[in-house]
PDB file of N, CA and C in Angstrom:
ATOM      1  N   MET A   1       1.993  17.594 -14.753  1.00  0.00           N
ATOM      2  CA  MET A   1       1.387  16.871 -14.200  1.00  0.00           C
ATOM      3  C   MET A   1       0.451  15.586 -15.344  1.00  0.00           C
ATOM      4  N   ASN A   2       1.129  14.472 -15.225  1.00  0.00           N
ATOM      5  CA  ASN A   2      -0.079  13.986 -16.263  1.00  0.00           C
ATOM      6  C   ASN A   2      -1.155  13.604 -15.675  1.00  0.00           C
ATOM      7  N   SER A   3      -2.022  13.439 -15.462  1.00  0.00           N
ATOM      8  CA  SER A   3      -2.912  12.662 -14.786  1.00  0.00           C
ATOM      9  C   SER A   3      -2.855  11.307 -15.473  1.00  0.00           C
ATOM     10  N   LEU A   4      -2.954  11.263 -16.596  1.00  0.00           N
ATOM     11  CA  LEU A   4      -3.602   9.657 -17.160  1.00  0.00           C
ATOM     12  C   LEU A   4      -2.020   9.082 -17.056  1.00  0.00           C
ATOM     13  N   SER A   5      -1.415   8.815 -15.914  1.00  0.00           N
ATOM     14  CA  SER A   5      -0.221   8.023 -15.995  1.00  0.00           C
ATOM     15  C   SER A   5      -0.773   7.175 -14.504  1.00  0.00           C
ATOM     16  N   THR A   6      -0.377   6.242 -14.590  1.00  0.00           N
ATOM     17  CA  THR A   6      -0.565   4.989 -13.255  1.00  0.00           C
ATOM     18  C   THR A   6       0.543   5.725 -12.103  1.00  0.00           C
ATOM     19  N   VAL A   7      -0.050   5.439 -11.232  1.00  0.00           N
ATOM     20  CA  VAL A   7       0.494   5.672  -9.798  1.00  0.00           C
ATOM     21  C   VAL A   7       0.455   4.582  -8.738  1.00  0.00           C
ATOM     22  N   SER A   8       1.539   4.762  -7.833  1.00  0.00           N
ATOM     23  CA  SER A   8       1.426   3.279  -7.053  1.00  0.00           C
ATOM     24  C   SER A   8       1.694   3.585  -5.560  1.00  0.00           C
ATOM     25  N   HIS A   9       1.556   2.958  -4.675  1.00  0.00           N
ATOM     26  CA  HIS A   9       1.814   3.241  -3.270  1.00  0.00           C
ATOM     27  C   HIS A   9       2.495   2.094  -2.938  1.00  0.00           C
ATOM     28  N   CYS A  10       3.584   2.414  -1.699  1.00  0.00           N
ATOM     29  CA  CYS A  10       4.271   1.527  -0.894  1.00  0.00           C
ATOM     30  C   CYS A  10       3.897   1.497   0.574  1.00  0.00           C
ATOM     31  N   ALA A  11       3.565   0.789   1.135  1.00  0.00           N
ATOM     32  CA  ALA A  11       3.746   0.781   2.604  1.00  0.00           C
ATOM     33  C   ALA A  11       4.595  -0.197   3.217  1.00  0.00           C
ATOM     34  N   LEU A  12       5.778   0.413   3.649  1.00  0.00           N
ATOM     35  CA  LEU A  12       6.348  -0.930   4.806  1.00  0.00           C
ATOM     36  C   LEU A  12       5.896  -0.966   6.500  1.00  0.00           C
ATOM     37  N   VAL A  13       5.544  -2.090   6.725  1.00  0.00           N
ATOM     38  CA  VAL A  13       5.203  -2.247   8.229  1.00  0.00           C
ATOM     39  C   VAL A  13       6.194  -3.135   8.802  1.00  0.00           C
ATOM     40  N   THR A  14       6.663  -2.661   9.938  1.00  0.00           N
ATOM     41  CA  THR A  14       7.487  -3.653  10.837  1.00  0.00           C
ATOM     42  C   THR A  14       6.422  -3.717  12.235  1.00  0.00           C
ATOM     43  N   ALA A  15       6.368  -5.024  12.097  1.00  0.00           N
ATOM     44  CA  ALA A  15       5.617  -5.720  13.017  1.00  0.00           C
ATOM     45  C   ALA A  15       6.281  -5.735  14.480  1.00  0.00           C
ATOM     46  N   ARG A  16       5.883  -5.501  15.600  1.00  0.00           N
ATOM     47  CA  ARG A  16       6.554  -5.359  16.933  1.00  0.00           C
ATOM     48  C   ARG A  16       6.667  -6.841  17.167  1.00  0.00           C
ATOM     49  N   HIS A  17       7.729  -7.226  17.591  1.00  0.00           N
ATOM     50  CA  HIS A  17       8.385  -8.617  18.211  1.00  0.00           C
ATOM     51  C   HIS A  17       6.934  -9.326  18.908  1.00  0.00           C
ATOM     52  N   GLY A  18       7.046 -10.885  17.935  1.00  0.00           N
ATOM     53  CA  GLY A  18       5.802 -11.489  18.505  1.00  0.00           C
ATOM     54  C   GLY A  18       4.228 -11.315  17.921  1.00  0.00           C
ATOM     55  N   HIS A  19       4.525 -10.065  16.916  1.00  0.00           N
ATOM     56  CA  HIS A  19       3.364  -9.844  16.455  1.00  0.00           C
ATOM     57  C   HIS A  19       2.930  -9.946  14.761  1.00  0.00           C
ATOM     58  N   SER A  20       3.848 -10.322  14.054  1.00  0.00           N
ATOM     59  CA  SER A  20       4.184 -10.404  13.041  1.00  0.00           C
ATOM     60  C   SER A  20       2.944 -11.272  11.996  1.00  0.00           C
ATOM     61  N   GLU A  21       2.718 -12.367  12.401  1.00  0.00           N
ATOM     62  CA  GLU A  21       1.913 -12.807  12.142  1.00  0.00           C
ATOM     63  C   GLU A  21       0.172 -12.505  11.951  1.00  0.00           C
ATOM     64  N   GLN A  22       0.356 -11.913  13.010  1.00  0.00           N
ATOM     65  CA  GLN A  22      -1.353 -10.926  13.508  1.00  0.00           C
ATOM     66  C   GLN A  22      -1.363  -9.963  12.230  1.00  0.00           C
ATOM     67  N   VAL A  23      -0.217  -9.154  12.318  1.00  0.00           N
ATOM     68  CA  VAL A  23      -0.220  -7.795  11.211  1.00  0.00           C
ATOM     69  C   VAL A  23      -0.611  -8.540   9.428  1.00  0.00           C
ATOM     70  N   GLY A  24       0.264  -9.746   9.963  1.00  0.00           N
ATOM     71  CA  GLY A  24       0.218  -9.983   8.607  1.00  0.00           C
ATOM     72  C   GLY A  24      -1.264 -10.315   8.153  1.00  0.00           C
ATOM     73  N   LEU A  25      -1.722 -10.772   8.570  1.00  0.00           N
ATOM     74  CA  LEU A  25      -3.465 -11.363   8.518  1.00  0.00           C
ATOM     75  C   LEU A  25      -4.157 -10.247   8.229  1.00  0.00           C
ATOM     76  N   ARG A  26      -3.730  -9.257   9.153  1.00  0.00           N
ATOM     77  CA  ARG A  26      -4.395  -8.076   9.441  1.00  0.00           C
ATOM     78  C   ARG A  26      -4.121  -6.817   7.540  1.00  0.00           C
ATOM     79  N   LEU A  27      -3.037  -7.048   7.600  1.00  0.00           N
ATOM     80  CA  LEU A  27      -2.876  -6.569   6.231  1.00  0.00           C
ATOM     81  C   LEU A  27      -2.962  -7.277   5.039  1.00  0.00           C
ATOM     82  N   SER A  28      -3.374  -8.582   5.321  1.00  0.00           N
ATOM     83  CA  SER A  28      -3.661  -9.442   3.962  1.00  0.00           C
ATOM     84  C   SER A  28      -5.002  -9.529   3.306  1.00  0.00           C
ATOM     85  N   ALA A  29      -5.915  -8.743   4.874  1.00  0.00           N
ATOM     86  CA  ALA A  29      -7.269  -9.044   4.650  1.00  0.00           C
ATOM     87  C   ALA A  29      -7.698  -7.274   3.698  1.00  0.00           C
ATOM     88  N   LEU A  30      -6.829  -6.706   3.349  1.00  0.00           N
ATOM     89  CA  LEU A  30      -6.712  -5.493   2.521  1.00  0.00           C
ATOM     90  C   LEU A  30      -6.689  -5.772   1.048  1.00  0.00           C
ATOM     91  N   VAL A  31      -6.386  -6.896   0.744  1.00  0.00           N
ATOM     92  CA  VAL A  31      -5.979  -7.485  -0.968  1.00  0.00           C
ATOM     93  C   VAL A  31      -7.207  -7.644  -1.632  1.00  0.00           C
ATOM     94  N   ARG A  32      -8.085  -8.476  -1.172  1.00  0.00           N
ATOM     95  CA  ARG A  32      -9.290  -8.898  -1.632  1.00  0.00           C
ATOM     96  C   ARG A  32     -10.478  -7.323  -1.859  1.00  0.00           C
ATOM     97  N   PRO A  33     -10.423  -6.588  -1.144  1.00  0.00           N
ATOM     98  CA  PRO A  33     -10.995  -5.233  -1.263  1.00  0.00           C
ATOM     99  C   PRO A  33     -10.289  -4.298  -2.105  1.00  0.00           C
ATOM    100  N   ALA A  34      -9.271  -4.293  -1.594  1.00  0.00           N
ATOM    101  CA  ALA A  34      -8.378  -3.594  -2.771  1.00  0.00           C
ATOM    102  C   ALA A  34      -8.263  -3.638  -4.597  1.00  0.00           C
ATOM    103  N   LEU A  35      -8.322  -5.016  -4.804  1.00  0.00           N
ATOM    104  CA  LEU A  35      -8.511  -5.734  -6.143  1.00  0.00           C
ATOM    105  C   LEU A  35      -9.825  -5.658  -6.578  1.00  0.00           C
ATOM    106  N   GLY A  36     -10.920  -5.082  -5.944  1.00  0.00           N
ATOM    107  CA  GLY A  36     -11.924  -4.922  -6.240  1.00  0.00           C
ATOM    108  C   GLY A  36     -12.589  -3.452  -6.436  1.00  0.00           C
ATOM    109  N   MET A  37     -11.397  -2.853  -6.461  1.00  0.00           N
ATOM    110  CA  MET A  37     -11.912  -1.203  -5.993  1.00  0.00           C
ATOM    111  C   MET A  37     -11.888  -0.426  -7.562  1.00  0.00           C
ATOM    112  N   PRO A  38     -12.590   0.119  -7.877  1.00  0.00           N
ATOM    113  CA  PRO A  38     -11.706   1.014  -9.515  1.00  0.00           C
ATOM    114  C   PRO A  38     -10.980   1.189  -9.554  1.00  0.00           C
ATOM    115  N   GLY A  39     -10.181   1.224 -10.752  1.00  0.00           N
ATOM    116  CA  GLY A  39      -8.852   1.706 -11.110  1.00  0.00           C
ATOM    117  C   GLY A  39      -7.671   1.056 -10.704  1.00  0.00           C
ATOM    118  N   CYS A  40      -7.991  -0.186  -9.699  1.00  0.00           N
ATOM    119  CA  CYS A  40      -6.901  -1.371  -9.086  1.00  0.00           C
ATOM    120  C   CYS A  40      -6.139  -1.791 -10.489  1.00  0.00           C
ATOM    121  N   LEU A  41      -4.935  -1.790 -10.047  1.00  0.00           N
ATOM    122  CA  LEU A  41      -4.371  -2.912 -11.411  1.00  0.00           C
ATOM    123  C   LEU A  41      -3.918  -3.611 -10.789  1.00  0.00           C
ATOM    124  N   HIS A  42      -3.210  -3.828  -9.812  1.00  0.00           N
ATOM    125  CA  HIS A  42      -2.653  -4.889  -9.086  1.00  0.00           C
ATOM    126  C   HIS A  42      -2.382  -4.195  -7.848  1.00  0.00           C
ATOM    127  N   PHE A  43      -2.689  -5.081  -7.057  1.00  0.00           N
ATOM    128  CA  PHE A  43      -2.418  -4.900  -5.009  1.00  0.00           C
ATOM    129  C   PHE A  43      -1.832  -6.079  -4.422  1.00  0.00           C
ATOM    130  N   ALA A  44      -0.501  -5.881  -3.519  1.00  0.00           N
ATOM    131  CA  ALA A  44      -0.100  -7.557  -3.003  1.00  0.00           C
ATOM    132  C   ALA A  44       0.303  -7.085  -1.630  1.00  0.00           C
ATOM    133  N   VAL A  45       0.373  -7.896  -0.875  1.00  0.00           N
ATOM    134  CA  VAL A  45       0.804  -7.838   0.719  1.00  0.00           C
ATOM    135  C   VAL A  45       2.293  -9.123   0.491  1.00  0.00           C
ATOM    136  N   GLN A  46       3.524  -8.482   0.769  1.00  0.00           N
ATOM    137  CA  GLN A  46       4.547  -9.492   0.979  1.00  0.00           C
ATOM    138  C   GLN A  46       5.428  -9.304   2.013  1.00  0.00           C
ATOM    139  N   ARG A  47       6.153 -10.443   2.943  1.00  0.00           N
ATOM    140  CA  ARG A  47       6.586 -10.189   3.398  1.00  0.00           C
ATOM    141  C   ARG A  47       8.776 -10.633   3.357  1.00  0.00           C
ATOM    142  N   SER A  48       9.081 -10.167   3.940  1.00  0.00           N
ATOM    143  CA  SER A  48      10.470  -9.826   3.369  1.00  0.00           C
ATOM    144  C   SER A  48      10.973 -11.242   3.789  1.00  0.00           C
ATOM    145  N   HIS A  49      12.233 -11.096   2.818  1.00  0.00           N
ATOM    146  CA  HIS A  49      12.827 -12.696   3.236  1.00  0.00           C
ATOM    147  C   HIS A  49      13.687 -12.443   4.436  1.00  0.00           C
ATOM    148  N   GLY A  50      14.343 -11.372   4.044  1.00  0.00           N
ATOM    149  CA  GLY A  50      15.227 -11.202   5.422  1.00  0.00           C
ATOM    150  C   GLY A  50      14.597 -10.681   6.957  1.00  0.00           C
ATOM    151  N   ASP A  51      13.538 -10.166   7.093  1.00  0.00           N
ATOM    152  CA  ASP A  51      13.433  -9.608   8.020  1.00  0.00           C
ATOM    153  C   ASP A  51      12.240 -10.436   8.461  1.00  0.00           C
ATOM    154  N   GLU A  52      11.361 -11.344   9.203  1.00  0.00           N
ATOM    155  CA  GLU A  52      10.038 -12.061   9.519  1.00  0.00           C
ATOM    156  C   GLU A  52       9.132 -10.599   9.826  1.00  0.00           C
ATOM    157  N   ARG A  53       9.769  -9.837  10.329  1.00  0.00           N
ATOM    158  CA  ARG A  53       8.530  -8.656  10.929  1.00  0.00           C
ATOM    159  C   ARG A  53       8.358  -7.500   9.636  1.00  0.00           C
ATOM    160  N   LEU A  54       9.098  -7.599   8.920  1.00  0.00           N
ATOM    161  CA  LEU A  54       9.069  -6.587   7.633  1.00  0.00           C
ATOM    162  C   LEU A  54       7.902  -6.958   6.616  1.00  0.00           C
ATOM    163  N   TRP A  55       6.768  -6.077   6.304  1.00  0.00           N
ATOM    164  CA  TRP A  55       5.868  -6.296   5.332  1.00  0.00           C
ATOM    165  C   TRP A  55       5.595  -5.172   4.316  1.00  0.00           C
ATOM    166  N   GLN A  56       5.149  -5.348   3.197  1.00  0.00           N
ATOM    167  CA  GLN A  56       5.200  -4.490   1.809  1.00  0.00           C
ATOM    168  C   GLN A  56       3.988  -4.861   1.630  1.00  0.00           C
ATOM    169  N   VAL A  57       2.802  -3.696   2.109  1.00  0.00           N
ATOM    170  CA  VAL A  57       1.812  -3.490   0.794  1.00  0.00           C
ATOM    171  C   VAL A  57       1.430  -2.535  -0.104  1.00  0.00           C
ATOM    172  N   ALA A  58       1.435  -2.963  -1.070  1.00  0.00           N
ATOM    173  CA  ALA A  58       1.356  -2.736  -2.376  1.00  0.00           C
ATOM    174  C   ALA A  58       0.533  -2.667  -3.731  1.00  0.00           C
ATOM    175  N   GLY A  59       0.359  -1.002  -4.419  1.00  0.00           N
ATOM    176  CA  GLY A  59      -0.422  -1.313  -5.424  1.00  0.00           C
ATOM    177  C   GLY A  59      -0.295  -0.562  -6.470  1.00  0.00           C
ATOM    178  N   VAL A  60      -0.692  -0.647  -7.114  1.00  0.00           N
ATOM    179  CA  VAL A  60      -0.639   0.389  -8.827  1.00  0.00           C
ATOM    180  C   VAL A  60      -1.914   0.201  -9.179  1.00  0.00           C
ATOM    181  N   TRP A  61      -2.209   1.786  -9.490  1.00  0.00           N
ATOM    182  CA  TRP A  61      -3.353   2.454  -9.803  1.00  0.00           C
ATOM    183  C   TRP A  61      -4.000   3.309 -11.338  1.00  0.00           C
ATOM    184  N   ARG A  62      -4.907   3.268 -11.518  1.00  0.00           N
ATOM    185  CA  ARG A  62      -4.989   3.374 -12.686  1.00  0.00           C
ATOM    186  C   ARG A  62      -4.616   4.971 -13.048  1.00  0.00           C
ATOM    187  N   ASP A  63      -4.901   6.014 -12.012  1.00  0.00           N
ATOM    188  CA  ASP A  63      -4.884   7.035 -12.013  1.00  0.00           C
ATOM    189  C   ASP A  63      -4.759   7.473 -10.159  1.00  0.00           C
ATOM    190  N   HIS A  64      -4.464   8.834  -9.937  1.00  0.00           N
ATOM    191  CA  HIS A  64      -4.908   9.550  -8.512  1.00  0.00           C
ATOM    192  C   HIS A  64      -5.971   9.275  -8.042  1.00  0.00           C
ATOM    193  N   ALA A  65      -6.813   9.344  -8.881  1.00  0.00           N
ATOM    194  CA  ALA A  65      -8.185   9.749  -8.448  1.00  0.00           C
ATOM    195  C   ALA A  65      -8.473   7.951  -7.796  1.00  0.00           C
ATOM    196  N   ALA A  66      -8.296   7.524  -8.335  1.00  0.00           N
ATOM    197  CA  ALA A  66      -7.826   5.844  -8.120  1.00  0.00           C
ATOM    198  C   ALA A  66      -7.380   5.263  -6.940  1.00  0.00           C
ATOM    199  N   MET A  67      -5.924   5.882  -7.034  1.00  0.00           N
ATOM    200  CA  MET A  67      -5.420   5.940  -5.479  1.00  0.00           C
ATOM    201  C   MET A  67      -5.815   6.395  -4.477  1.00  0.00           C
ATOM    202  N   THR A  68      -6.359   7.760  -4.894  1.00  0.00           N
ATOM    203  CA  THR A  68      -7.251   8.587  -3.292  1.00  0.00           C
ATOM    204  C   THR A  68      -8.182   7.768  -2.989  1.00  0.00           C
ATOM    205  N   ALA A  69      -9.220   7.365  -4.014  1.00  0.00           N
ATOM    206  CA  ALA A  69     -10.288   6.744  -3.108  1.00  0.00           C
ATOM    207  C   ALA A  69      -9.855   5.549  -2.519  1.00  0.00           C
ATOM    208  N   TRP A  70      -8.992   4.907  -2.811  1.00  0.00           N
ATOM    209  CA  TRP A  70      -8.727   3.417  -1.904  1.00  0.00           C
ATOM    210  C   TRP A  70      -7.943   4.311  -0.552  1.00  0.00           C
ATOM    211  N   PHE A  71      -7.120   5.584  -0.338  1.00  0.00           N
ATOM    212  CA  PHE A  71      -6.631   5.558   0.657  1.00  0.00           C
ATOM    213  C   PHE A  71      -8.271   6.149   1.826  1.00  0.00           C
ATOM    214  N   LYS A  72      -9.250   6.753   0.962  1.00  0.00           N
ATOM    215  CA  LYS A  72     -10.196   7.236   1.422  1.00  0.00           C
ATOM    216  C   LYS A  72     -10.861   6.114   2.243  1.00  0.00           C
ATOM    217  N   SER A  73     -11.120   4.671   2.067  1.00  0.00           N
ATOM    218  CA  SER A  73     -11.643   3.926   2.028  1.00  0.00           C
ATOM    219  C   SER A  73     -11.515   3.216   3.195  1.00  0.00           C
ATOM    220  N   PRO A  74     -12.678   2.620   4.182  1.00  0.00           N
ATOM    221  CA  PRO A  74     -12.761   2.173   5.177  1.00  0.00           C
ATOM    222  C   PRO A  74     -11.204   1.052   5.365  1.00  0.00           C
ATOM    223  N   GLY A  75     -11.134   0.531   4.608  1.00  0.00           N
ATOM    224  CA  GLY A  75      -9.777  -0.363   4.799  1.00  0.00           C
ATOM    225  C   GLY A  75      -8.812   0.173   5.283  1.00  0.00           C
ATOM    226  N   MET A  76      -8.494   1.269   5.105  1.00  0.00           N
ATOM    227  CA  MET A  76      -7.428   1.947   5.415  1.00  0.00           C
ATOM    228  C   MET A  76      -7.314   2.052   6.731  1.00  0.00           C
ATOM    229  N   GLN A  77      -8.699   1.659   7.292  1.00  0.00           N
ATOM    230  CA  GLN A  77      -8.175   1.892   9.149  1.00  0.00           C
ATOM    231  C   GLN A  77      -7.401   0.808   9.614  1.00  0.00           C
ATOM    232  N   VAL A  78      -7.599  -0.164   8.895  1.00  0.00           N
ATOM    233  CA  VAL A  78      -5.928  -1.528   9.368  1.00  0.00           C
ATOM    234  C   VAL A  78      -5.156  -0.446   9.655  1.00  0.00           C
ATOM    235  N   PHE A  79      -4.342   0.260   9.053  1.00  0.00           N
ATOM    236  CA  PHE A  79      -2.844   1.207   9.281  1.00  0.00           C
ATOM    237  C   PHE A  79      -3.339   1.548  10.821  1.00  0.00           C
ATOM    238  N   SER A  80      -4.013   2.374  11.093  1.00  0.00           N
ATOM    239  CA  SER A  80      -4.367   3.156  12.302  1.00  0.00           C
ATOM    240  C   SER A  80      -4.725   2.182  13.469  1.00  0.00           C
ATOM    241  N   ASP A  81      -5.214   0.974  13.313  1.00  0.00           N
ATOM    242  CA  ASP A  81      -5.338   0.001  14.275  1.00  0.00           C
ATOM    243  C   ASP A  81      -3.974  -0.575  14.449  1.00  0.00           C
ATOM    244  N   LEU A  82      -3.494  -0.758  13.693  1.00  0.00           N
ATOM    245  CA  LEU A  82      -1.958  -1.560  13.807  1.00  0.00           C
ATOM    246  C   LEU A  82      -0.623  -0.594  14.792  1.00  0.00           C
ATOM    247  N   VAL A  83      -1.214   0.877  14.591  1.00  0.00           N
ATOM    248  CA  VAL A  83      -0.268   1.660  15.592  1.00  0.00           C
ATOM    249  C   VAL A  83      -1.182   1.992  16.833  1.00  0.00           C
ATOM    250  N   GLN A  84      -2.298   2.397  16.430  1.00  0.00           N
ATOM    251  CA  GLN A  84      -2.912   2.255  18.394  1.00  0.00           C
ATOM    252  C   GLN A  84      -2.799   0.848  18.661  1.00  0.00           C
ATOM    253  N   GLY A  85      -2.455  -0.032  18.613  1.00  0.00           N
ATOM    254  CA  GLY A  85      -3.118  -1.032  19.376  1.00  0.00           C
ATOM    255  C   GLY A  85      -1.436  -1.741  19.449  1.00  0.00           C
ATOM    256  N   LEU A  86      -0.546  -0.818  18.820  1.00  0.00           N
ATOM    257  CA  LEU A  86       0.786  -0.789  19.176  1.00  0.00           C
ATOM    258  C   LEU A  86       1.677  -2.755  18.567  1.00  0.00           C
ATOM    259  N   LEU A  87       0.844  -2.777  17.556  1.00  0.00           N
ATOM    260  CA  LEU A  87       1.394  -4.102  16.570  1.00  0.00           C
ATOM    261  C   LEU A  87       2.517  -3.751  15.963  1.00  0.00           C
ATOM    262  N   VAL A  88       2.668  -2.479  15.160  1.00  0.00           N
ATOM    263  CA  VAL A  88       3.781  -2.296  14.617  1.00  0.00           C
ATOM    264  C   VAL A  88       4.873  -1.287  15.495  1.00  0.00           C
ATOM    265  N   THR A  89       6.007  -1.503  14.936  1.00  0.00           N
ATOM    266  CA  THR A  89       7.434  -0.208  15.098  1.00  0.00           C
ATOM    267  C   THR A  89       7.387   0.560  14.213  1.00  0.00           C
ATOM    268  N   SER A  90       6.994   0.412  12.916  1.00  0.00           N
ATOM    269  CA  SER A  90       6.984   1.480  11.950  1.00  0.00           C
ATOM    270  C   SER A  90       6.151   1.517  10.978  1.00  0.00           C
ATOM    271  N   LEU A  91       6.104   2.435  10.411  1.00  0.00           N
ATOM    272  CA  LEU A  91       4.955   2.338   9.152  1.00  0.00           C
ATOM    273  C   LEU A  91       5.077   3.452   8.280  1.00  0.00           C
ATOM    274  N   ASP A  92       5.941   2.859   7.443  1.00  0.00           N
ATOM    275  CA  ASP A  92       6.626   4.241   6.304  1.00  0.00           C
ATOM    276  C   ASP A  92       5.485   3.993   4.884  1.00  0.00           C
ATOM    277  N   LEU A  93       5.072   5.299   4.544  1.00  0.00           N
ATOM    278  CA  LEU A  93       3.799   4.819   3.211  1.00  0.00           C
ATOM    279  C   LEU A  93       4.663   5.614   2.066  1.00  0.00           C
ATOM    280  N   HIS A  94       4.864   5.348   1.159  1.00  0.00           N
ATOM    281  CA  HIS A  94       5.251   6.188  -0.025  1.00  0.00           C
ATOM    282  C   HIS A  94       4.117   6.066  -1.190  1.00  0.00           C
ATOM    283  N   THR A  95       4.257   6.944  -2.215  1.00  0.00           N
ATOM    284  CA  THR A  95       3.460   6.695  -3.472  1.00  0.00           C
ATOM    285  C   THR A  95       4.378   7.616  -4.462  1.00  0.00           C
ATOM    286  N   PHE A  96       4.019   6.954  -5.830  1.00  0.00           N
ATOM    287  CA  PHE A  96       4.904   7.053  -6.735  1.00  0.00           C
ATOM    288  C   PHE A  96       4.212   7.546  -7.908  1.00  0.00           C
ATOM    289  N   GLU A  97       4.939   7.722  -9.084  1.00  0.00           N
ATOM    290  CA  GLU A  97       3.926   8.048 -10.442  1.00  0.00           C
ATOM    291  C   GLU A  97       5.273   7.638 -11.686  1.00  0.00           C
ATOM    292  N   ASP A  98       4.560   7.409 -12.692  1.00  0.00           N
ATOM    293  CA  ASP A  98       4.937   6.988 -14.004  1.00  0.00           C
ATOM    294  C   ASP A  98       6.251   8.247 -14.153  1.00  0.00           C
ATOM    295  N   ALA A  99       7.829   7.953 -14.050  1.00  0.00           N
ATOM    296  CA  ALA A  99       8.429   9.324 -14.540  1.00  0.00           C
ATOM    297  C   ALA A  99       8.362   9.320 -16.160  1.00  0.00           C
ATOM    298  N   ALA A 100       8.051   8.067 -16.808  1.00  0.00           N
ATOM    299  CA  ALA A 100       8.503   7.924 -18.372  1.00  0.00           C
ATOM    300  C   ALA A 100       7.812   8.831 -18.456  1.00  0.00           C
ATOM    301  N   ILE A 101       6.405   8.423 -18.247  1.00  0.00           N
ATOM    302  CA  ILE A 101       5.344   9.588 -19.289  1.00  0.00           C
ATOM    303  C   ILE A 101       5.958  10.801 -19.084  1.00  0.00           C
ATOM    304  N   GLU A 102       5.961  11.240 -17.703  1.00  0.00           N
ATOM    305  CA  GLU A 102       6.144  13.042 -17.360  1.00  0.00           C
ATOM    306  C   GLU A 102       7.677  13.068 -18.528  1.00  0.00           C
ATOM    307  N   GLN A 103       8.578  12.336 -18.694  1.00  0.00           N
ATOM    308  CA  GLN A 103       9.700  12.629 -19.427  1.00  0.00           C
ATOM    309  C   GLN A 103       9.242  12.733 -20.622  1.00  0.00           C
ATOM    310  N   ALA A 104       8.597  12.209 -21.412  1.00  0.00           N
ATOM    311  CA  ALA A 104       8.131  11.821 -22.950  1.00  0.00           C
ATOM    312  C   ALA A 104       7.179  12.323 -23.099  1.00  0.00           C
ATOM    313  N   SER A 105       6.010  13.416 -22.605  1.00  0.00           N
ATOM    314  CA  SER A 105       5.442  14.394 -22.811  1.00  0.00           C
ATOM    315  C   SER A 105       5.998  15.986 -22.611  1.00  0.00           C
ATOM    316  N   ALA A 106       7.065  15.926 -21.592  1.00  0.00           N
ATOM    317  CA  ALA A 106       7.633  16.691 -21.783  1.00  0.00           C
ATOM    318  C   ALA A 106       8.967  16.753 -22.705  1.00  0.00           C
ATOM    319  N   ALA A 107       8.785  16.325 -23.700  1.00  0.00           N
ATOM    320  CA  ALA A 107      10.010  16.052 -24.600  1.00  0.00           C
ATOM    321  C   ALA A 107       9.608  17.069 -25.932  1.00  0.00           C
TER     322      ALA A 107
END
C-alpha cells in the first residue's frame, strides 16, 4: 500500500420518512469543519435526485492519516446521533484508495 495515495470515503444515509430535511441539515453541518481539517481535499453532502430520503456524504483526503483524523473528530458524533435518534433507516460507510497509484507502483 502506498501511504501517499489519496483516499476517500462515501457515506450513504437514508432518512426515515418525514425526517429527510432534518437529516440533511445535520449532515450539512459537517461540511465546514471537514473542509478546515488538515488534508481535506474535498468534502460534500448531496441529496439524491431519485430518492429525497437518500443523502451522500463524500470526502477526499490527502492520505489515510488525514481521513482517520476526521473519523476521530467530534463531528462524527452526528452519525451516531442520527442512528440513536431513529432519524435514519440505513447508514453505509465505504472507504476507497487510488488504485491507479497502486497499479503504477507495482509495475
